[in-house]
């Protein structure tokens, strides 16, 4: 579904990615692992169109998206890619339901359609009784589940996650990991996840090892 060809990225004189070639099939969980500074997050940001490579191409379902304009890229990102980060990044002034709806509103979906999809996801994630709660009223695990619902609200082709369980205690971390595998099994959801959790990586469908800017 996603193919990266000869992706290179530098920050000043520091060469972070040195020619990444990668293929991601749909319906699988891919873990990106490696030491700090290996280029994991940089690669994830490029795959998610949040950052542009210095050279190389990204193909999405055989379509080269590297030449998209900023507007085209923003529309593509909103509709095709979901994001979950280590810190939930929920907007504090909005309820759980409202936070989940935001990407749908950006995609110009109606309030009725957005809320229907958001309520379905929050119910699936066991958060029906928390929909009117604001982030300050939610536990760490609940906040991250709301963030997962937000990532899924537009039914993206792929969800990218950067250390999604890194800020959780062991119980909530295990719960989140089980949820990701359930989403893969129930809906065929594709995930690309940067993680330092060896147990999670070993359970994923494929492990991508990055060392010094290249895939081992």
C-alpha atoms as a PDB file:
ATOM      1  CA  UNK A   1       0.000   0.000   0.000  1.00  0.00           C
ATOM      2  CA  UNK A   2       2.851   2.371   0.838  1.00  0.00           C
ATOM      3  CA  UNK A   3       6.222   2.333  -0.860  1.00  0.00           C
ATOM      4  CA  UNK A   4       9.194   4.521  -0.022  1.00  0.00           C
ATOM      5  CA  UNK A   5      12.027   4.734  -2.540  1.00  0.00           C
ATOM      6  CA  UNK A   6      15.514   5.993  -1.661  1.00  0.00           C
ATOM      7  CA  UNK A   7      14.321   8.415   1.026  1.00  0.00           C
ATOM      8  CA  UNK A   8      17.049  10.733   2.261  1.00  0.00           C
ATOM      9  CA  UNK A   9      16.790  13.468   4.875  1.00  0.00           C
ATOM     10  CA  UNK A  10      19.372  15.711   6.496  1.00  0.00           C
ATOM     11  CA  UNK A  11      19.200  18.441   9.114  1.00  0.00           C
ATOM     12  CA  UNK A  12      22.100  20.744   8.392  1.00  0.00           C
ATOM     13  CA  UNK A  13      25.199  18.583   8.163  1.00  0.00           C
ATOM     14  CA  UNK A  14      23.524  15.688   9.992  1.00  0.00           C
ATOM     15  CA  UNK A  15      22.373  12.992   7.581  1.00  0.00           C
ATOM     16  CA  UNK A  16      19.462  11.298   9.361  1.00  0.00           C
ATOM     17  CA  UNK A  17      18.033   9.045   6.633  1.00  0.00           C
ATOM     18  CA  UNK A  18      20.519   7.664   4.111  1.00  0.00           C
ATOM     19  CA  UNK A  19      18.397   6.013   1.428  1.00  0.00           C
ATOM     20  CA  UNK A  20      15.392   4.219   2.900  1.00  0.00           C
ATOM     21  CA  UNK A  21      13.558   1.675   0.745  1.00  0.00           C
ATOM     22  CA  UNK A  22      10.412   0.254   2.280  1.00  0.00           C
ATOM     23  CA  UNK A  23       7.130  -1.417   1.352  1.00  0.00           C
ATOM     24  CA  UNK A  24       4.108  -1.524   3.670  1.00  0.00           C
ATOM     25  CA  UNK A  25       1.234  -3.888   2.793  1.00  0.00           C
ATOM     26  CA  UNK A  26      -2.271  -3.172   4.080  1.00  0.00           C
ATOM     27  CA  UNK A  27      -3.926  -4.813   7.062  1.00  0.00           C
ATOM     28  CA  UNK A  28      -0.723  -5.356   9.041  1.00  0.00           C
ATOM     29  CA  UNK A  29       1.020  -3.887  12.066  1.00  0.00           C
ATOM     30  CA  UNK A  30       4.569  -2.743  11.340  1.00  0.00           C
ATOM     31  CA  UNK A  31       6.881  -1.783  14.205  1.00  0.00           C
ATOM     32  CA  UNK A  32       9.796   0.572  13.583  1.00  0.00           C
ATOM     33  CA  UNK A  33      12.545  -0.020  16.133  1.00  0.00           C
ATOM     34  CA  UNK A  34      16.055   1.277  16.721  1.00  0.00           C
ATOM     35  CA  UNK A  35      18.176   3.311  19.082  1.00  0.00           C
ATOM     36  CA  UNK A  36      17.408   6.931  19.853  1.00  0.00           C
ATOM     37  CA  UNK A  37      18.615   9.107  16.980  1.00  0.00           C
ATOM     38  CA  UNK A  38      18.447   6.288  14.437  1.00  0.00           C
ATOM     39  CA  UNK A  39      15.866   8.142  12.317  1.00  0.00           C
ATOM     40  CA  UNK A  40      12.659   6.363  13.357  1.00  0.00           C
ATOM     41  CA  UNK A  41      10.508   9.429  14.006  1.00  0.00           C
ATOM     42  CA  UNK A  42      11.903  11.248  10.978  1.00  0.00           C
ATOM     43  CA  UNK A  43      10.899   8.313   8.767  1.00  0.00           C
ATOM     44  CA  UNK A  44       7.433   8.170  10.346  1.00  0.00           C
ATOM     45  CA  UNK A  45       6.917  11.897   9.744  1.00  0.00           C
ATOM     46  CA  UNK A  46       7.926  11.528   6.099  1.00  0.00           C
ATOM     47  CA  UNK A  47       5.632   8.521   5.591  1.00  0.00           C
ATOM     48  CA  UNK A  48       2.856  10.590   7.175  1.00  0.00           C
ATOM     49  CA  UNK A  49       3.564  13.597   4.904  1.00  0.00           C
ATOM     50  CA  UNK A  50       4.293  15.784   7.952  1.00  0.00           C
ATOM     51  CA  UNK A  51       7.830  16.280   6.658  1.00  0.00           C
ATOM     52  CA  UNK A  52       9.316  16.257   3.166  1.00  0.00           C
ATOM     53  CA  UNK A  53      12.374  14.195   2.273  1.00  0.00           C
ATOM     54  CA  UNK A  54      15.357  15.872   0.664  1.00  0.00           C
ATOM     55  CA  UNK A  55      15.125  13.263  -2.093  1.00  0.00           C
ATOM     56  CA  UNK A  56      13.225  10.109  -2.890  1.00  0.00           C
ATOM     57  CA  UNK A  57       9.567   9.301  -3.475  1.00  0.00           C
ATOM     58  CA  UNK A  58       6.568   8.095  -1.493  1.00  0.00           C
ATOM     59  CA  UNK A  59       3.935   6.035  -3.310  1.00  0.00           C
ATOM     60  CA  UNK A  60       0.496   5.452  -1.850  1.00  0.00           C
ATOM     61  CA  UNK A  61      -1.509   2.748  -3.633  1.00  0.00           C
ATOM     62  CA  UNK A  62       0.846   3.176  -6.616  1.00  0.00           C
ATOM     63  CA  UNK A  63       0.283   6.948  -6.736  1.00  0.00           C
ATOM     64  CA  UNK A  64       3.343   9.153  -6.266  1.00  0.00           C
ATOM     65  CA  UNK A  65       2.302  11.698  -3.647  1.00  0.00           C
ATOM     66  CA  UNK A  66       5.688  13.402  -3.472  1.00  0.00           C
ATOM     67  CA  UNK A  67       4.656  15.987  -6.062  1.00  0.00           C
ATOM     68  CA  UNK A  68       1.405  17.008  -4.323  1.00  0.00           C
ATOM     69  CA  UNK A  69       0.901  20.695  -3.563  1.00  0.00           C
ATOM     70  CA  UNK A  70       0.594  21.738   0.080  1.00  0.00           C
ATOM     71  CA  UNK A  71      -3.200  21.908  -0.249  1.00  0.00           C
ATOM     72  CA  UNK A  72      -3.404  18.505  -1.945  1.00  0.00           C
ATOM     73  CA  UNK A  73      -1.115  17.031   0.683  1.00  0.00           C
ATOM     74  CA  UNK A  74      -3.204  18.429   3.551  1.00  0.00           C
ATOM     75  CA  UNK A  75      -6.397  16.988   2.067  1.00  0.00           C
ATOM     76  CA  UNK A  76      -4.711  13.643   1.436  1.00  0.00           C
ATOM     77  CA  UNK A  77      -3.311  13.524   4.982  1.00  0.00           C
ATOM     78  CA  UNK A  78      -6.674  14.340   6.548  1.00  0.00           C
ATOM     79  CA  UNK A  79      -8.539  11.633   4.637  1.00  0.00           C
ATOM     80  CA  UNK A  80      -5.979   8.835   4.345  1.00  0.00           C
ATOM     81  CA  UNK A  81      -3.743   8.996   7.432  1.00  0.00           C
ATOM     82  CA  UNK A  82      -4.515   8.878  11.138  1.00  0.00           C
ATOM     83  CA  UNK A  83      -2.008   9.899  13.798  1.00  0.00           C
ATOM     84  CA  UNK A  84      -1.479   8.829  17.399  1.00  0.00           C
ATOM     85  CA  UNK A  85       1.396  10.342  19.370  1.00  0.00           C
ATOM     86  CA  UNK A  86       3.027   9.613  22.716  1.00  0.00           C
ATOM     87  CA  UNK A  87       1.158  12.563  24.210  1.00  0.00           C
ATOM     88  CA  UNK A  88      -2.503  12.542  23.260  1.00  0.00           C
ATOM     89  CA  UNK A  89      -2.659  16.184  22.039  1.00  0.00           C
ATOM     90  CA  UNK A  90      -6.360  16.440  22.815  1.00  0.00           C
ATOM     91  CA  UNK A  91      -7.719  19.978  22.891  1.00  0.00           C
ATOM     92  CA  UNK A  92      -8.464  20.713  26.570  1.00  0.00           C
ATOM     93  CA  UNK A  93     -11.513  22.911  25.989  1.00  0.00           C
ATOM     94  CA  UNK A  94     -13.396  20.230  24.033  1.00  0.00           C
ATOM     95  CA  UNK A  95     -15.144  17.046  25.166  1.00  0.00           C
ATOM     96  CA  UNK A  96     -13.996  13.579  24.113  1.00  0.00           C
ATOM     97  CA  UNK A  97     -16.731  13.497  21.472  1.00  0.00           C
ATOM     98  CA  UNK A  98     -15.785  16.909  20.103  1.00  0.00           C
ATOM     99  CA  UNK A  99     -12.085  16.009  19.978  1.00  0.00           C
ATOM    100  CA  UNK A 100     -12.838  12.874  17.964  1.00  0.00           C
ATOM    101  CA  UNK A 101     -15.038  14.824  15.533  1.00  0.00           C
ATOM    102  CA  UNK A 102     -12.437  17.465  14.642  1.00  0.00           C
ATOM    103  CA  UNK A 103     -10.728  15.603  11.732  1.00  0.00           C
ATOM    104  CA  UNK A 104     -14.175  14.797  10.296  1.00  0.00           C
ATOM    105  CA  UNK A 105     -15.147  18.459  10.412  1.00  0.00           C
ATOM    106  CA  UNK A 106     -11.900  19.353   8.637  1.00  0.00           C
ATOM    107  CA  UNK A 107     -12.909  16.823   5.950  1.00  0.00           C
ATOM    108  CA  UNK A 108     -16.175  18.785   5.549  1.00  0.00           C
ATOM    109  CA  UNK A 109     -18.369  16.035   6.947  1.00  0.00           C
ATOM    110  CA  UNK A 110     -21.678  17.068   8.472  1.00  0.00           C
ATOM    111  CA  UNK A 111     -22.102  17.301  12.236  1.00  0.00           C
ATOM    112  CA  UNK A 112     -24.552  14.394  12.103  1.00  0.00           C
ATOM    113  CA  UNK A 113     -22.192  12.171  10.105  1.00  0.00           C
ATOM    114  CA  UNK A 114     -19.147  13.099  12.189  1.00  0.00           C
ATOM    115  CA  UNK A 115     -20.873  12.504  15.510  1.00  0.00           C
ATOM    116  CA  UNK A 116     -22.369   9.202  14.365  1.00  0.00           C
ATOM    117  CA  UNK A 117     -18.945   7.851  13.406  1.00  0.00           C
ATOM    118  CA  UNK A 118     -17.326   9.278  16.558  1.00  0.00           C
ATOM    119  CA  UNK A 119     -19.956   7.709  18.814  1.00  0.00           C
ATOM    120  CA  UNK A 120     -19.498   4.328  17.110  1.00  0.00           C
ATOM    121  CA  UNK A 121     -15.745   4.466  17.723  1.00  0.00           C
ATOM    122  CA  UNK A 122     -16.020   5.660  21.308  1.00  0.00           C
ATOM    123  CA  UNK A 123     -18.491   2.865  22.013  1.00  0.00           C
ATOM    124  CA  UNK A 124     -16.152   0.308  20.409  1.00  0.00           C
ATOM    125  CA  UNK A 125     -13.315   1.628  22.575  1.00  0.00           C
ATOM    126  CA  UNK A 126     -15.379   1.386  25.761  1.00  0.00           C
ATOM    127  CA  UNK A 127     -15.767   5.132  26.251  1.00  0.00           C
ATOM    128  CA  UNK A 128     -19.512   5.623  25.842  1.00  0.00           C
ATOM    129  CA  UNK A 129     -19.867   6.971  29.376  1.00  0.00           C
ATOM    130  CA  UNK A 130     -16.997   9.443  28.872  1.00  0.00           C
ATOM    131  CA  UNK A 131     -18.101  11.237  25.700  1.00  0.00           C
ATOM    132  CA  UNK A 132     -18.982  14.488  27.485  1.00  0.00           C
ATOM    133  CA  UNK A 133     -15.842  14.504  29.611  1.00  0.00           C
ATOM    134  CA  UNK A 134     -13.002  16.883  28.838  1.00  0.00           C
ATOM    135  CA  UNK A 135      -9.391  15.624  28.783  1.00  0.00           C
ATOM    136  CA  UNK A 136      -8.721  16.834  32.326  1.00  0.00           C
ATOM    137  CA  UNK A 137     -11.477  14.476  33.511  1.00  0.00           C
ATOM    138  CA  UNK A 138     -10.034  11.400  31.761  1.00  0.00           C
ATOM    139  CA  UNK A 139      -7.338   8.958  32.841  1.00  0.00           C
ATOM    140  CA  UNK A 140      -4.152   8.582  30.801  1.00  0.00           C
ATOM    141  CA  UNK A 141      -5.420   5.405  29.175  1.00  0.00           C
ATOM    142  CA  UNK A 142      -8.781   6.988  28.359  1.00  0.00           C
ATOM    143  CA  UNK A 143      -7.105  10.013  26.778  1.00  0.00           C
ATOM    144  CA  UNK A 144      -5.038   7.771  24.527  1.00  0.00           C
ATOM    145  CA  UNK A 145      -8.115   5.764  23.510  1.00  0.00           C
ATOM    146  CA  UNK A 146      -9.844   9.022  22.583  1.00  0.00           C
ATOM    147  CA  UNK A 147      -6.763   9.873  20.520  1.00  0.00           C
ATOM    148  CA  UNK A 148      -7.064   6.493  18.768  1.00  0.00           C
ATOM    149  CA  UNK A 149     -10.745   7.202  18.019  1.00  0.00           C
ATOM    150  CA  UNK A 150      -9.778  10.592  16.599  1.00  0.00           C
ATOM    151  CA  UNK A 151      -7.170   8.927  14.366  1.00  0.00           C
ATOM    152  CA  UNK A 152      -9.811   6.521  13.042  1.00  0.00           C
ATOM    153  CA  UNK A 153     -12.752   8.887  12.567  1.00  0.00           C
ATOM    154  CA  UNK A 154     -12.132   9.439   8.834  1.00  0.00           C
ATOM    155  CA  UNK A 155     -11.551   5.704   8.239  1.00  0.00           C
ATOM    156  CA  UNK A 156      -7.924   6.272   7.171  1.00  0.00           C
ATOM    157  CA  UNK A 157      -5.992   3.775   5.106  1.00  0.00           C
ATOM    158  CA  UNK A 158      -3.159   3.785   7.647  1.00  0.00           C
ATOM    159  CA  UNK A 159      -2.579   4.914  11.225  1.00  0.00           C
ATOM    160  CA  UNK A 160       0.891   6.142  12.171  1.00  0.00           C
ATOM    161  CA  UNK A 161       1.824   6.097  15.835  1.00  0.00           C
ATOM    162  CA  UNK A 162       4.938   7.438  17.550  1.00  0.00           C
ATOM    163  CA  UNK A 163       5.504   5.693  20.901  1.00  0.00           C
ATOM    164  CA  UNK A 164       1.719   5.628  21.537  1.00  0.00           C
ATOM    165  CA  UNK A 165       2.103   3.768  24.842  1.00  0.00           C
ATOM    166  CA  UNK A 166       5.291   5.494  25.971  1.00  0.00           C
ATOM    167  CA  UNK A 167       3.490   7.761  28.443  1.00  0.00           C
ATOM    168  CA  UNK A 168       1.274   5.049  29.980  1.00  0.00           C
ATOM    169  CA  UNK A 169       1.664   2.762  32.975  1.00  0.00           C
ATOM    170  CA  UNK A 170       2.034  -0.960  32.334  1.00  0.00           C
ATOM    171  CA  UNK A 171      -1.680  -1.801  32.679  1.00  0.00           C
ATOM    172  CA  UNK A 172      -2.811   0.928  30.280  1.00  0.00           C
ATOM    173  CA  UNK A 173       0.090   0.151  27.953  1.00  0.00           C
ATOM    174  CA  UNK A 174      -0.970  -3.478  27.664  1.00  0.00           C
ATOM    175  CA  UNK A 175      -4.593  -2.437  27.159  1.00  0.00           C
ATOM    176  CA  UNK A 176      -3.625  -0.097  24.320  1.00  0.00           C
ATOM    177  CA  UNK A 177      -1.493  -2.747  22.649  1.00  0.00           C
ATOM    178  CA  UNK A 178      -4.358  -5.257  22.760  1.00  0.00           C
ATOM    179  CA  UNK A 179      -6.641  -2.609  21.269  1.00  0.00           C
ATOM    180  CA  UNK A 180      -4.303  -2.058  18.303  1.00  0.00           C
ATOM    181  CA  UNK A 181      -4.210  -5.778  17.541  1.00  0.00           C
ATOM    182  CA  UNK A 182      -8.000  -5.925  17.861  1.00  0.00           C
ATOM    183  CA  UNK A 183      -8.373  -3.070  15.373  1.00  0.00           C
ATOM    184  CA  UNK A 184      -6.134  -4.945  12.960  1.00  0.00           C
ATOM    185  CA  UNK A 185      -8.096  -8.157  13.369  1.00  0.00           C
ATOM    186  CA  UNK A 186     -11.619  -6.649  13.375  1.00  0.00           C
ATOM    187  CA  UNK A 187     -11.205  -3.996  10.692  1.00  0.00           C
ATOM    188  CA  UNK A 188      -7.999  -4.850   8.822  1.00  0.00           C
ATOM    189  CA  UNK A 189      -6.520  -1.552   9.971  1.00  0.00           C
ATOM    190  CA  UNK A 190      -2.937  -0.871   8.893  1.00  0.00           C
ATOM    191  CA  UNK A 191      -0.551   0.499  11.514  1.00  0.00           C
ATOM    192  CA  UNK A 192       3.032   1.796  11.360  1.00  0.00           C
ATOM    193  CA  UNK A 193       4.298   2.238  14.895  1.00  0.00           C
ATOM    194  CA  UNK A 194       7.555   3.583  16.281  1.00  0.00           C
ATOM    195  CA  UNK A 195       8.160   1.755  19.543  1.00  0.00           C
ATOM    196  CA  UNK A 196      10.785   0.918  22.134  1.00  0.00           C
ATOM    197  CA  UNK A 197       8.568  -1.838  23.539  1.00  0.00           C
ATOM    198  CA  UNK A 198      10.205  -5.116  22.553  1.00  0.00           C
ATOM    199  CA  UNK A 199       7.206  -7.231  23.513  1.00  0.00           C
ATOM    200  CA  UNK A 200       4.877  -5.230  21.289  1.00  0.00           C
ATOM    201  CA  UNK A 201       7.374  -5.227  18.416  1.00  0.00           C
ATOM    202  CA  UNK A 202       7.778  -9.000  18.594  1.00  0.00           C
ATOM    203  CA  UNK A 203       3.998  -9.459  18.333  1.00  0.00           C
ATOM    204  CA  UNK A 204       3.664  -7.177  15.312  1.00  0.00           C
ATOM    205  CA  UNK A 205       3.485  -8.556  11.781  1.00  0.00           C
ATOM    206  CA  UNK A 206       6.837  -7.082  10.772  1.00  0.00           C
ATOM    207  CA  UNK A 207       9.711  -5.375  12.553  1.00  0.00           C
ATOM    208  CA  UNK A 208      11.630  -2.669  10.687  1.00  0.00           C
ATOM    209  CA  UNK A 209      15.066  -2.150  12.261  1.00  0.00           C
ATOM    210  CA  UNK A 210      16.679   1.241  11.621  1.00  0.00           C
ATOM    211  CA  UNK A 211      20.295   1.888  12.498  1.00  0.00           C
ATOM    212  CA  UNK A 212      22.238   5.016  11.561  1.00  0.00           C
ATOM    213  CA  UNK A 213      19.667   6.092   8.993  1.00  0.00           C
ATOM    214  CA  UNK A 214      19.337   2.822   7.076  1.00  0.00           C
ATOM    215  CA  UNK A 215      17.161  -0.268   7.402  1.00  0.00           C
ATOM    216  CA  UNK A 216      19.099  -3.265   8.636  1.00  0.00           C
END
